[in-house]
């Protein structure tokens, strides 16, 4: 029997197998996505039921615990007068800028502290002293340094994002399996090649985790940063609603803030997924 006869069916079968596997993976992805949507809807429905039960029981005065319909009407009014869209855009811009600056600095510094003696011996002890300091406590200092403008707000967010991203970057780069490094040395790989082709890819899942924690931290800090020295943003709107006892507006802004934060987190996870798929397969 000739080699051509043996190879022919195999060549025909491989594309069919790939198509079947790809189709199965797509089906699983659709099922998983549908399951997540159903779970999210069920969770929201459960919160709505509990909220309505607490309101019906009269645990809090109605003016301080509005119904979900009242919250929805307040949000619709904010949308119609244009304040909601403007506040979302302003807050999101501040978050993205602070997140970008803090993340880039954290990854760079984390690379130094994990791979160089100077970073490990000189920079890491200083950063360990800085990490436990609450970022909120640095808001007055940021105002004194940068004033009440945009720079102070972005500085606060960048500082808050820096800590979790640096910790995860440093941890990921410091825990590369020794076997991988031995293989690199045996094959004569340079230090740069080892860092870019082995250490960084291995640490990427940890870096992405740090980025996702950084996104959540940024949305926490934007509220604090916008409570002083500004007349726009979701944080400012929440502070104004508290000042005038507009609980319905306050709750709606908090819900919008959470929704935008979830969307940003999902964007980071989706963009990073192709680069860390190997880690998901291992798990």
Protein backbone atom coordinates (compact mmCIF):
# COMPACT_ATOMS: atom_id res chain seq x y z
CA UNK A 1 0.00 0.00 0.00
CA UNK A 2 1.44 3.38 -0.99
CA UNK A 3 2.09 6.30 1.31
CA UNK A 4 -0.21 8.45 -0.79
CA UNK A 5 -3.11 6.10 -0.04
CA UNK A 6 -2.44 6.32 3.68
CA UNK A 7 -1.99 10.07 3.73
CA UNK A 8 -5.00 10.89 1.62
CA UNK A 9 -7.79 10.05 4.10
CA UNK A 10 -5.84 11.69 6.93
CA UNK A 11 -5.64 14.93 4.99
CA UNK A 12 -9.38 14.76 4.39
CA UNK A 13 -10.23 13.90 7.98
CA UNK A 14 -8.20 16.63 9.70
CA UNK A 15 -10.25 19.60 8.43
CA UNK A 16 -13.45 17.77 9.37
CA UNK A 17 -12.14 17.11 12.87
CA UNK A 18 -11.10 20.74 13.27
CA UNK A 19 -14.53 21.92 12.13
CA UNK A 20 -16.28 19.55 14.53
CA UNK A 21 -14.10 20.61 17.46
CA UNK A 22 -14.54 24.29 16.60
CA UNK A 23 -18.31 23.86 16.33
CA UNK A 24 -18.41 22.08 19.69
CA UNK A 25 -16.34 24.81 21.36
CA UNK A 26 -18.63 27.50 19.94
CA UNK A 27 -21.68 25.63 21.23
CA UNK A 28 -20.13 25.37 24.69
CA UNK A 29 -19.29 29.06 24.62
CA UNK A 30 -22.86 29.96 23.70
CA UNK A 31 -24.25 27.70 26.43
CA UNK A 32 -21.85 29.15 28.99
CA UNK A 33 -22.76 32.71 27.97
CA UNK A 34 -26.49 31.94 28.15
CA UNK A 35 -26.01 30.42 31.59
CA UNK A 36 -24.21 33.53 32.83
CA UNK A 37 -27.01 35.77 31.53
CA UNK A 38 -29.68 33.65 33.23
CA UNK A 39 -27.72 33.68 36.49
CA UNK A 40 -27.29 37.46 36.33
CA UNK A 41 -31.00 38.02 35.67
CA UNK A 42 -31.89 35.69 38.54
CA UNK A 43 -29.53 37.57 40.86
CA UNK A 44 -31.04 40.94 39.92
CA UNK A 45 -34.55 39.55 40.40
CA UNK A 46 -33.60 38.23 43.85
CA UNK A 47 -32.22 41.64 44.88
CA UNK A 48 -35.43 43.31 43.63
CA UNK A 49 -37.58 40.91 45.67
CA UNK A 50 -35.52 41.44 48.84
CA UNK A 51 -35.56 45.22 48.32
CA UNK A 52 -39.34 45.25 47.88
CA UNK A 53 -39.79 43.07 50.96
CA UNK A 54 -37.69 45.41 53.12
CA UNK A 55 -39.60 48.43 51.83
CA UNK A 56 -42.95 46.74 52.47
CA UNK A 57 -41.87 45.82 56.00
CA UNK A 58 -41.19 49.48 56.77
CA UNK A 59 -37.70 48.89 58.13
CA UNK A 60 -36.65 52.34 56.87
CA UNK A 61 -38.71 55.48 56.23
CA UNK A 62 -39.98 55.56 52.61
CA UNK A 63 -38.10 58.80 51.91
CA UNK A 64 -34.82 57.06 52.78
CA UNK A 65 -35.67 53.73 51.13
CA UNK A 66 -37.43 54.48 47.83
CA UNK A 67 -39.02 51.84 45.67
CA UNK A 68 -37.30 50.56 42.55
CA UNK A 69 -39.84 52.37 40.39
CA UNK A 70 -38.93 55.67 42.09
CA UNK A 71 -35.24 54.99 41.46
CA UNK A 72 -35.97 54.27 37.81
CA UNK A 73 -37.96 57.50 37.41
CA UNK A 74 -35.12 59.50 38.97
CA UNK A 75 -32.67 57.96 36.55
CA UNK A 76 -34.93 58.67 33.60
CA UNK A 77 -35.17 62.32 34.65
CA UNK A 78 -31.37 62.55 34.84
CA UNK A 79 -31.08 61.01 31.40
CA UNK A 80 -33.59 63.39 29.87
CA UNK A 81 -31.89 66.52 31.20
CA UNK A 82 -28.51 65.30 29.92
CA UNK A 83 -26.69 65.15 33.24
CA UNK A 84 -26.42 61.35 33.38
CA UNK A 85 -24.65 60.91 30.03
CA UNK A 86 -22.29 63.80 30.76
CA UNK A 87 -21.44 62.46 34.22
CA UNK A 88 -20.77 58.96 32.89
CA UNK A 89 -18.45 60.34 30.21
CA UNK A 90 -16.56 62.55 32.67
CA UNK A 91 -16.06 59.82 35.27
CA UNK A 92 -15.10 57.23 32.66
CA UNK A 93 -12.49 59.55 31.17
CA UNK A 94 -10.91 60.12 34.59
CA UNK A 95 -10.94 56.40 35.35
CA UNK A 96 -9.35 55.40 32.04
CA UNK A 97 -6.57 57.98 32.34
CA UNK A 98 -5.75 57.09 35.94
CA UNK A 99 -5.98 53.38 35.17
CA UNK A 100 -3.63 53.67 32.20
CA UNK A 101 -0.98 55.65 34.09
CA UNK A 102 -1.15 53.50 37.22
CA UNK A 103 -1.12 50.19 35.34
CA UNK A 104 1.79 51.05 33.05
CA UNK A 105 3.86 52.31 35.98
CA UNK A 106 2.99 49.24 38.07
CA UNK A 107 3.94 46.75 35.35
CA UNK A 108 7.24 48.55 34.74
CA UNK A 109 8.10 48.75 38.44
CA UNK A 110 6.94 45.17 39.04
CA UNK A 111 9.28 43.98 36.30
CA UNK A 112 12.18 45.81 37.98
CA UNK A 113 11.45 44.52 41.49
CA UNK A 114 11.08 40.94 40.27
CA UNK A 115 13.99 40.70 37.85
CA UNK A 116 16.72 43.08 39.03
CA UNK A 117 18.80 43.26 42.19
CA UNK A 118 18.30 47.02 42.45
CA UNK A 119 14.53 46.66 42.33
CA UNK A 120 14.52 43.79 44.78
CA UNK A 121 16.88 45.34 47.33
CA UNK A 122 16.12 49.07 47.02
CA UNK A 123 12.68 49.63 45.48
CA UNK A 124 10.70 46.71 46.93
CA UNK A 125 11.14 47.66 50.64
CA UNK A 126 9.96 51.21 49.93
CA UNK A 127 6.94 49.95 48.00
CA UNK A 128 6.06 47.53 50.79
CA UNK A 129 5.92 50.48 53.18
CA UNK A 130 3.76 52.44 50.75
CA UNK A 131 1.30 49.64 49.88
CA UNK A 132 -0.62 49.53 53.21
CA UNK A 133 -1.34 53.29 53.18
CA UNK A 134 -5.00 53.84 52.19
CA UNK A 135 -5.18 55.80 48.94
CA UNK A 136 -8.12 57.78 50.33
CA UNK A 137 -5.75 59.22 52.96
CA UNK A 138 -3.65 60.70 50.15
CA UNK A 139 -6.52 62.75 48.68
CA UNK A 140 -5.70 65.89 50.77
CA UNK A 141 -2.06 65.61 49.75
CA UNK A 142 -3.01 65.26 46.09
CA UNK A 143 -5.16 68.41 46.33
CA UNK A 144 -2.28 70.34 47.90
CA UNK A 145 0.15 69.17 45.22
CA UNK A 146 -2.05 69.38 42.11
CA UNK A 147 -4.96 71.61 43.15
CA UNK A 148 -8.63 70.86 42.59
CA UNK A 149 -8.34 70.19 38.87
CA UNK A 150 -8.18 66.98 36.87
CA UNK A 151 -4.59 66.13 37.79
CA UNK A 152 -5.35 65.51 41.46
CA UNK A 153 -8.21 63.13 40.60
CA UNK A 154 -6.17 61.17 38.08
CA UNK A 155 -3.24 61.06 40.52
CA UNK A 156 -5.41 59.50 43.23
CA UNK A 157 -6.80 56.89 40.85
CA UNK A 158 -3.36 56.08 39.45
CA UNK A 159 -1.95 55.56 42.96
CA UNK A 160 -4.83 53.31 43.94
CA UNK A 161 -4.47 51.23 40.78
CA UNK A 162 -0.70 50.99 41.12
CA UNK A 163 -0.67 48.86 44.27
CA UNK A 164 -2.72 45.79 43.17
CA UNK A 165 -1.22 45.77 39.68
CA UNK A 166 2.32 46.00 41.07
CA UNK A 167 1.72 43.24 43.63
CA UNK A 168 0.32 40.85 41.03
CA UNK A 169 2.98 41.71 38.45
CA UNK A 170 5.78 41.19 40.96
CA UNK A 171 4.25 37.93 42.18
CA UNK A 172 3.73 36.57 38.68
CA UNK A 173 7.23 37.42 37.50
CA UNK A 174 8.81 36.05 40.68
CA UNK A 175 7.16 32.63 40.53
CA UNK A 176 8.22 31.40 37.09
CA UNK A 177 8.72 27.60 37.34
CA UNK A 178 12.39 26.72 37.75
CA UNK A 179 12.14 24.07 35.01
CA UNK A 180 11.26 26.74 32.45
CA UNK A 181 14.30 28.79 33.40
CA UNK A 182 16.56 25.73 33.26
CA UNK A 183 15.36 24.94 29.75
CA UNK A 184 16.05 28.53 28.71
CA UNK A 185 19.60 28.34 30.05
CA UNK A 186 20.22 24.97 28.41
CA UNK A 187 19.12 26.30 25.03
CA UNK A 188 21.36 29.36 25.37
CA UNK A 189 18.53 31.90 25.52
CA UNK A 190 19.60 35.42 26.37
CA UNK A 191 18.30 37.28 29.41
CA UNK A 192 16.05 39.42 27.22
CA UNK A 193 14.67 36.40 25.35
CA UNK A 194 14.02 34.58 28.64
CA UNK A 195 12.13 37.58 30.00
CA UNK A 196 10.02 38.28 26.92
CA UNK A 197 9.33 34.70 25.79
CA UNK A 198 9.12 32.79 29.07
CA UNK A 199 8.82 34.94 32.19
CA UNK A 200 6.35 37.57 30.94
CA UNK A 201 3.97 35.11 29.21
CA UNK A 202 4.01 32.91 32.33
CA UNK A 203 3.19 35.93 34.51
CA UNK A 204 0.49 37.32 32.22
CA UNK A 205 -2.47 35.67 34.04
CA UNK A 206 -1.35 37.29 37.30
CA UNK A 207 -0.89 40.66 35.59
CA UNK A 208 -4.38 40.46 34.11
CA UNK A 209 -5.78 39.64 37.55
CA UNK A 210 -4.04 42.72 38.91
CA UNK A 211 -5.50 44.84 36.11
CA UNK A 212 -9.01 43.63 36.88
CA UNK A 213 -8.54 44.43 40.57
CA UNK A 214 -7.19 47.80 39.46
CA UNK A 215 -10.35 48.48 37.46
CA UNK A 216 -12.50 47.85 40.53
CA UNK A 217 -10.22 50.02 42.65
CA UNK A 218 -10.41 52.85 40.11
CA UNK A 219 -14.20 52.94 40.29
CA UNK A 220 -14.09 53.00 44.08
CA UNK A 221 -11.67 55.92 44.08
CA UNK A 222 -13.47 57.95 41.41
CA UNK A 223 -16.32 58.53 43.87
CA UNK A 224 -13.92 59.85 46.52
CA UNK A 225 -11.97 61.94 44.01
CA UNK A 226 -15.10 63.58 42.59
CA UNK A 227 -16.59 64.63 45.90
CA UNK A 228 -14.40 67.73 46.06
CA UNK A 229 -13.34 70.34 43.53
CA UNK A 230 -15.62 69.38 40.66
CA UNK A 231 -19.13 69.99 39.33
CA UNK A 232 -19.48 66.87 37.19
CA UNK A 233 -19.08 63.13 37.43
CA UNK A 234 -20.98 60.32 39.11
CA UNK A 235 -19.14 60.87 42.40
CA UNK A 236 -20.14 64.54 42.42
CA UNK A 237 -23.73 63.61 41.61
CA UNK A 238 -23.80 61.09 44.49
CA UNK A 239 -22.46 63.73 46.90
CA UNK A 240 -25.08 66.24 45.73
CA UNK A 241 -27.86 63.69 46.11
CA UNK A 242 -26.73 62.98 49.67
CA UNK A 243 -26.62 66.70 50.44
CA UNK A 244 -30.24 67.21 49.33
CA UNK A 245 -31.50 63.80 50.60
CA UNK A 246 -32.27 62.60 47.05
CA UNK A 247 -31.83 58.92 47.85
CA UNK A 248 -33.46 57.79 44.60
CA UNK A 249 -30.85 59.68 42.53
CA UNK A 250 -28.06 58.45 44.77
CA UNK A 251 -29.07 54.82 44.34
CA UNK A 252 -29.43 55.15 40.58
CA UNK A 253 -25.95 56.70 40.26
CA UNK A 254 -24.50 53.89 42.37
CA UNK A 255 -26.18 51.31 40.13
CA UNK A 256 -24.83 53.01 37.01
CA UNK A 257 -21.36 53.16 38.54
CA UNK A 258 -21.47 49.44 39.24
CA UNK A 259 -22.74 48.64 35.75
CA UNK A 260 -20.03 50.70 34.04
CA UNK A 261 -17.42 49.06 36.27
CA UNK A 262 -18.64 45.59 35.31
CA UNK A 263 -18.52 46.49 31.61
CA UNK A 264 -14.95 47.79 31.93
CA UNK A 265 -13.90 44.65 33.79
CA UNK A 266 -15.46 42.51 31.06
CA UNK A 267 -13.62 44.47 28.38
CA UNK A 268 -10.29 43.80 30.12
CA UNK A 269 -11.14 40.10 30.50
CA UNK A 270 -12.23 39.77 26.86
CA UNK A 271 -9.17 41.54 25.46
CA UNK A 272 -6.83 39.44 27.64
CA UNK A 273 -8.56 36.10 27.03
CA UNK A 274 -6.67 35.12 23.83
CA UNK A 275 -3.33 35.78 25.56
CA UNK A 276 -4.03 33.68 28.66
CA UNK A 277 -6.13 30.90 27.13
CA UNK A 278 -3.30 28.43 27.81
CA UNK A 279 -3.62 29.11 31.56
CA UNK A 280 -7.37 28.48 31.44
CA UNK A 281 -6.77 25.19 29.63
CA UNK A 282 -4.26 24.08 32.30
CA UNK A 283 -6.80 24.79 35.04
